[in-house]
Amino acid sequence: MIVASCPLQAAAAKVPGKPFDMKLNDCNPVARPPMHRGMTTPPARFDARAASQWFFRHGHTGWLGLSFTDQGDNWVELELPWREDLLGDRSRPVLASGPIISLMDMASGMAIWQASGTFNPVATLDLRVDYQRPARERASVRGRVECYRRTRSAAFVRGIAYDDDPDDPVAHVAGVFMTIGADPRQENPALAGGSNA
C-alpha cells in the first residue's frame, strides 16, 4: 500500500499501469535531508503553476479543461475554455454558470494555498457569485482570485470572472473557506473507527 502525503500523490497512485511518481511532491515539496551536518534545505513553497500540472489532469477540473494562466504571492488566475458541451442554453453559445462557479472555487483554493505557501485541505463554507452579465459568445472565461485574509481556521477570498476585459467582469466572487490542518477523526476516538467499548 502506498501512503501518499498529498491528495495528488494518492490520485496518481491509483492510476492503473502508471508507476507512483515521487515528482508529485512538486505541488508542495518537503524538505530534503541535509547533504551533511549543518546544511539544510528549507521546504519549498506551494507553487500554483507546478501544482496545476497535476490538479488539471484528473477529476472534475481535468474534465472541465481548466488551465493555469498566472499567479502572484496571494492570487491565482485560471482559465475555463469555451466548449459546446458546457453551454447552459443551446440557443446561446455562452458558458453555463455551473462551470464558471467550479472555475472560481478552484481558483479560490489555489489562491489560499499560494498565500499560505503550503498545500493543506480547505473546504468551501461560502462562495458568493454575483453575475454582472453573461459571458460573451464562444469565449473562454478567466477567473482571478486573491486570498486577502487568513486566520487560524479560515481564509477569505475575492475575485472576478471575466472573458475579455477585467474591467468588465462576468461576475464578482467573495468566499470563506475553512482550513483543515489535520484529520479531525484522529483527535476524536468516537470518529476514528474501531471499537472502544
Protein backbone atom coordinates (compact mmCIF):
# COMPACT_ATOMS: atom_id res chain seq x y z
CA MET A 1 0.00 0.00 0.00
CA ILE A 2 1.31 3.42 -0.95
CA VAL A 3 0.88 6.11 1.67
CA ALA A 4 0.75 9.48 -0.03
CA SER A 5 1.37 12.75 1.76
CA CYS A 6 -0.61 14.75 -0.78
CA PRO A 7 -4.01 14.04 -2.43
CA LEU A 8 -2.27 14.40 -5.77
CA GLN A 9 0.04 11.53 -4.89
CA ALA A 10 -2.90 9.42 -3.79
CA ALA A 11 -4.70 10.08 -7.08
CA ALA A 12 -1.60 9.26 -9.12
CA ALA A 13 -1.00 6.08 -7.14
CA LYS A 14 -4.44 4.82 -8.23
CA VAL A 15 -3.84 5.29 -11.95
CA PRO A 16 -3.56 1.76 -13.37
CA GLY A 17 -0.41 1.00 -15.28
CA LYS A 18 1.33 4.17 -14.14
CA PRO A 19 4.04 3.88 -11.51
CA PHE A 20 3.85 6.13 -8.49
CA ASP A 21 5.83 9.26 -9.36
CA MET A 22 7.54 10.98 -6.45
CA LYS A 23 7.77 14.16 -8.53
CA LEU A 24 4.20 14.81 -7.42
CA ASN A 25 5.76 16.36 -4.34
CA ASP A 26 6.32 19.36 -6.61
CA CYS A 27 2.89 20.65 -5.54
CA ASN A 28 4.22 21.09 -2.02
CA PRO A 29 7.70 19.62 -1.75
CA VAL A 30 9.02 18.54 1.60
CA ALA A 31 12.49 19.47 2.77
CA ARG A 32 15.21 17.15 1.57
CA PRO A 33 17.59 15.72 4.14
CA PRO A 34 20.79 17.76 4.55
CA MET A 35 23.77 16.77 2.41
CA HIS A 36 25.94 16.88 5.50
CA ARG A 37 25.67 18.25 9.01
CA GLY A 38 24.91 21.95 9.05
CA MET A 39 23.33 22.07 5.58
CA THR A 40 19.56 22.28 5.40
CA THR A 41 17.14 22.91 2.60
CA PRO A 42 14.01 24.82 3.62
CA PRO A 43 10.69 23.43 2.45
CA ALA A 44 9.64 24.77 -0.93
CA ARG A 45 6.56 26.97 -1.11
CA PHE A 46 3.36 25.86 -2.79
CA ASP A 47 3.57 26.83 -6.45
CA ALA A 48 0.26 27.06 -8.31
CA ARG A 49 1.95 26.72 -11.70
CA ALA A 50 3.61 23.42 -10.74
CA ALA A 51 0.55 22.10 -8.89
CA SER A 52 -1.74 22.85 -11.83
CA GLN A 53 0.15 20.28 -13.91
CA TRP A 54 -1.30 17.64 -11.57
CA PHE A 55 -4.59 19.19 -10.48
CA PHE A 56 -5.87 19.60 -14.03
CA ARG A 57 -5.05 16.12 -15.32
CA HIS A 58 -7.79 14.25 -13.45
CA GLY A 59 -11.20 14.60 -11.88
CA HIS A 60 -13.67 17.41 -12.33
CA THR A 61 -11.08 20.12 -13.05
CA GLY A 62 -9.47 17.90 -15.69
CA TRP A 63 -12.81 17.20 -17.32
CA LEU A 64 -13.62 20.91 -17.41
CA GLY A 65 -10.27 21.58 -19.09
CA LEU A 66 -9.14 24.22 -16.59
CA SER A 67 -5.69 25.65 -17.21
CA PHE A 68 -3.28 27.82 -15.27
CA THR A 69 -2.63 31.34 -16.59
CA ASP A 70 -0.90 33.41 -13.87
CA GLN A 71 -0.12 33.77 -10.16
CA GLY A 72 1.18 36.16 -7.52
CA ASP A 73 2.02 35.90 -3.83
CA ASN A 74 -1.64 35.66 -2.79
CA TRP A 75 -3.60 35.24 -6.04
CA VAL A 76 -4.12 32.80 -8.88
CA GLU A 77 -5.69 33.11 -12.31
CA LEU A 78 -7.14 30.10 -14.15
CA GLU A 79 -8.94 29.73 -17.47
CA LEU A 80 -12.06 27.76 -18.41
CA PRO A 81 -12.14 27.11 -22.17
CA TRP A 82 -15.33 27.55 -24.15
CA ARG A 83 -16.80 24.19 -25.12
CA GLU A 84 -20.14 23.38 -26.67
CA ASP A 85 -20.89 20.75 -24.01
CA LEU A 86 -20.60 23.40 -21.25
CA LEU A 87 -23.47 25.55 -22.52
CA GLY A 88 -26.36 26.48 -20.29
CA ASP A 89 -28.75 27.13 -23.18
CA ARG A 90 -28.32 25.50 -26.60
CA SER A 91 -29.77 28.58 -28.31
CA ARG A 92 -26.95 30.81 -26.94
CA PRO A 93 -23.30 29.70 -27.24
CA VAL A 94 -22.16 31.02 -23.81
CA LEU A 95 -20.69 29.08 -20.92
CA ALA A 96 -23.15 27.96 -18.24
CA SER A 97 -22.89 29.31 -14.71
CA GLY A 98 -22.02 25.94 -13.12
CA PRO A 99 -18.62 25.53 -14.81
CA ILE A 100 -17.81 29.18 -14.02
CA ILE A 101 -18.57 28.54 -10.33
CA SER A 102 -16.27 25.47 -10.44
CA LEU A 103 -13.55 27.64 -12.01
CA MET A 104 -13.86 30.23 -9.24
CA ASP A 105 -13.95 27.60 -6.47
CA MET A 106 -10.72 26.02 -7.73
CA ALA A 107 -9.02 29.39 -8.21
CA SER A 108 -10.05 30.27 -4.64
CA GLY A 109 -8.48 27.14 -3.18
CA MET A 110 -5.29 27.64 -5.15
CA ALA A 111 -5.09 31.30 -4.09
CA ILE A 112 -5.33 30.20 -0.44
CA TRP A 113 -2.51 27.68 -0.92
CA GLN A 114 -0.47 30.29 -2.78
CA ALA A 115 -0.95 32.79 0.08
CA SER A 116 -0.13 30.27 2.81
CA GLY A 117 2.73 28.69 0.89
CA THR A 118 1.55 25.16 1.67
CA PHE A 119 -0.95 22.66 0.36
CA ASN A 120 -3.43 21.88 3.15
CA PRO A 121 -7.03 20.81 2.60
CA VAL A 122 -9.68 23.54 2.57
CA ALA A 123 -13.47 23.32 2.48
CA THR A 124 -15.76 25.87 0.86
CA LEU A 125 -18.03 27.35 3.54
CA ASP A 126 -19.50 30.16 1.45
CA LEU A 127 -18.86 31.21 -2.13
CA ARG A 128 -20.99 34.09 -3.32
CA VAL A 129 -21.10 34.70 -7.07
CA ASP A 130 -22.69 37.94 -8.26
CA TYR A 131 -23.21 37.76 -12.02
CA GLN A 132 -22.90 41.08 -13.81
CA ARG A 133 -23.64 39.82 -17.32
CA PRO A 134 -23.47 36.65 -19.43
CA ALA A 135 -20.12 35.62 -20.85
CA ARG A 136 -19.54 36.55 -24.46
CA GLU A 137 -20.47 34.01 -27.10
CA ARG A 138 -17.86 31.32 -27.75
CA ALA A 139 -15.49 32.95 -25.23
CA SER A 140 -13.31 31.32 -22.62
CA VAL A 141 -13.64 32.71 -19.09
CA ARG A 142 -10.74 33.52 -16.77
CA GLY A 143 -11.05 33.53 -13.01
CA ARG A 144 -8.68 35.63 -10.90
CA VAL A 145 -8.97 35.21 -7.14
CA GLU A 146 -6.94 36.65 -4.29
CA CYS A 147 -6.74 35.41 -0.70
CA TYR A 148 -6.80 38.67 1.23
CA ARG A 149 -7.05 37.37 4.82
CA ARG A 150 -6.22 34.18 6.67
CA THR A 151 -6.87 33.22 10.26
CA ARG A 152 -6.08 30.02 12.15
CA SER A 153 -9.16 28.28 10.79
CA ALA A 154 -10.49 30.35 7.89
CA ALA A 155 -9.39 32.01 4.66
CA PHE A 156 -11.19 34.85 2.88
CA VAL A 157 -11.11 35.34 -0.88
CA ARG A 158 -12.42 37.74 -3.51
CA GLY A 159 -12.11 37.86 -7.25
CA ILE A 160 -13.59 38.24 -10.69
CA ALA A 161 -14.52 36.08 -13.63
CA TYR A 162 -14.01 37.78 -16.98
CA ASP A 163 -13.92 36.85 -20.63
CA ASP A 164 -12.15 39.72 -22.39
CA ASP A 165 -11.68 42.75 -20.18
CA PRO A 166 -11.07 42.51 -16.41
CA ASP A 167 -12.71 45.93 -16.08
CA ASP A 168 -15.94 44.44 -17.46
CA PRO A 169 -16.29 41.22 -15.42
CA VAL A 170 -18.79 38.44 -15.95
CA ALA A 171 -19.03 38.01 -12.17
CA HIS A 172 -17.61 39.09 -8.83
CA VAL A 173 -16.97 36.45 -6.18
CA ALA A 174 -16.38 36.52 -2.43
CA GLY A 175 -15.90 33.49 -0.26
CA VAL A 176 -14.91 31.96 3.04
CA PHE A 177 -13.05 28.66 3.26
CA MET A 178 -12.33 26.53 6.30
CA THR A 179 -8.72 25.46 6.59
CA ILE A 180 -8.24 21.88 7.71
CA GLY A 181 -4.93 21.35 9.48
CA ALA A 182 -5.36 17.68 10.36
CA ASP A 183 -7.83 14.85 10.06
CA PRO A 184 -10.30 15.58 12.90
CA ARG A 185 -11.05 11.85 13.26
CA GLN A 186 -7.55 11.32 14.65
CA GLU A 187 -8.29 13.58 17.62
CA ASN A 188 -11.71 12.14 18.41
CA PRO A 189 -11.79 8.41 19.28
CA ALA A 190 -15.54 8.27 18.56
CA LEU A 191 -14.86 9.26 14.92
CA ALA A 192 -11.65 7.25 14.48
CA GLY A 193 -13.45 3.97 13.80
CA GLY A 194 -12.95 0.65 15.52
CA SER A 195 -14.46 -0.23 18.85
CA ASN A 196 -13.54 1.39 22.13
CA ALA A 197 -16.35 -0.24 24.08
